[in-house]
Amino acid sequence: MTHAHLNIVREALSEVLEYDVKALTPEMEIDREFDLDSVMFVQFLLSVEDRIPGLRFDPDVLAEASFNNVASLLAFIDSVAQAEVA
């Protein structure tokens, strides 16, 4: 998990929620902790996509449960980022 990606996730979440998210921990459940409905969750993922070149979430393959916590989302982002470098 990179610090840069964690900051990007925090910024995207802050944008969707319209308030500054101060801290995120790996075990936080994004949807429950921040009370995101499905529309807001999609907006959040799109905002993350916009900030990370090459990152794409496939809505036909991935469900909200795939990223129910910060750690699982960051693991996915890191795997995509590593694939882009390789």
Protein backbone atom coordinates (compact mmCIF):
# COMPACT_ATOMS: atom_id res chain seq x y z
CA MET A 1 0.00 0.00 0.00
CA THR A 2 1.52 3.25 -1.07
CA HIS A 3 1.06 6.47 0.84
CA ALA A 4 0.32 8.26 -2.45
CA HIS A 5 -2.57 5.91 -3.26
CA LEU A 6 -3.96 6.25 0.25
CA ASN A 7 -3.97 10.04 -0.18
CA ILE A 8 -5.71 9.69 -3.55
CA VAL A 9 -8.42 7.52 -2.00
CA ARG A 10 -8.85 10.02 0.84
CA GLU A 11 -9.10 12.93 -1.62
CA ALA A 12 -11.64 11.13 -3.80
CA LEU A 13 -13.73 10.23 -0.78
CA SER A 14 -13.59 13.82 0.45
CA GLU A 15 -14.77 15.03 -2.96
CA VAL A 16 -17.78 12.70 -3.01
CA LEU A 17 -18.73 13.34 0.60
CA GLU A 18 -18.17 17.09 0.28
CA TYR A 19 -16.19 17.27 3.50
CA ASP A 20 -12.57 16.65 4.37
CA VAL A 21 -11.88 13.05 5.33
CA LYS A 22 -9.05 13.41 7.82
CA ALA A 23 -7.83 9.84 8.17
CA LEU A 24 -8.26 6.40 6.67
CA THR A 25 -7.07 3.12 8.10
CA PRO A 26 -6.72 -0.16 6.18
CA GLU A 27 -9.49 -1.87 8.15
CA MET A 28 -12.09 0.86 7.59
CA GLU A 29 -15.16 -0.28 5.66
CA ILE A 30 -15.65 2.50 3.15
CA ASP A 31 -19.36 2.06 2.51
CA ARG A 32 -20.35 1.63 6.16
CA GLU A 33 -17.89 4.01 7.79
CA PHE A 34 -18.90 6.86 5.48
CA ASP A 35 -22.51 5.80 4.82
CA LEU A 36 -22.11 5.64 1.04
CA ASP A 37 -25.07 4.48 -1.01
CA SER A 38 -24.43 2.65 -4.30
CA VAL A 39 -24.51 5.83 -6.39
CA MET A 40 -22.05 7.60 -4.13
CA PHE A 41 -19.81 4.52 -4.14
CA VAL A 42 -19.69 4.54 -7.95
CA GLN A 43 -18.93 8.28 -7.91
CA PHE A 44 -16.13 7.57 -5.45
CA LEU A 45 -14.62 4.85 -7.67
CA LEU A 46 -14.86 7.12 -10.73
CA SER A 47 -13.12 9.88 -8.81
CA VAL A 48 -10.31 7.46 -7.88
CA GLU A 49 -10.07 6.40 -11.55
CA ASP A 50 -9.71 10.02 -12.65
CA ARG A 51 -6.74 10.47 -10.32
CA ILE A 52 -4.74 7.35 -11.24
CA PRO A 53 -3.64 6.93 -14.87
CA GLY A 54 -4.47 3.50 -16.28
CA LEU A 55 -6.84 2.54 -13.47
CA ARG A 56 -10.24 1.26 -14.59
CA PHE A 57 -12.94 -0.42 -12.55
CA ASP A 58 -15.08 -2.82 -14.58
CA PRO A 59 -18.61 -2.58 -13.16
CA ASP A 60 -19.58 -5.89 -14.81
CA VAL A 61 -16.84 -7.76 -12.95
CA LEU A 62 -16.39 -5.91 -9.69
CA ALA A 63 -18.96 -5.41 -6.99
CA GLU A 64 -18.96 -2.91 -4.15
CA ALA A 65 -18.08 -5.79 -1.83
CA SER A 66 -14.78 -6.15 -3.70
CA PHE A 67 -13.67 -2.94 -2.05
CA ASN A 68 -15.52 -3.02 1.23
CA ASN A 69 -12.44 -1.86 3.08
CA VAL A 70 -9.57 0.49 2.40
CA ALA A 71 -6.99 -2.32 2.35
CA SER A 72 -8.74 -4.30 -0.41
CA LEU A 73 -9.18 -1.19 -2.55
CA LEU A 74 -5.54 -0.20 -2.13
CA ALA A 75 -4.40 -3.76 -2.91
CA PHE A 76 -6.31 -3.59 -6.21
CA ILE A 77 -4.92 -0.14 -7.04
CA ASP A 78 -1.37 -1.27 -6.22
CA SER A 79 -1.73 -4.39 -8.40
CA VAL A 80 -2.89 -2.28 -11.35
CA ALA A 81 -0.10 0.23 -10.78
CA GLN A 82 2.49 -2.57 -10.70
CA ALA A 83 1.09 -4.05 -13.92
CA GLU A 84 1.36 -0.63 -15.59
CA VAL A 85 5.04 -0.42 -14.66
CA ALA A 86 5.85 -3.94 -15.85
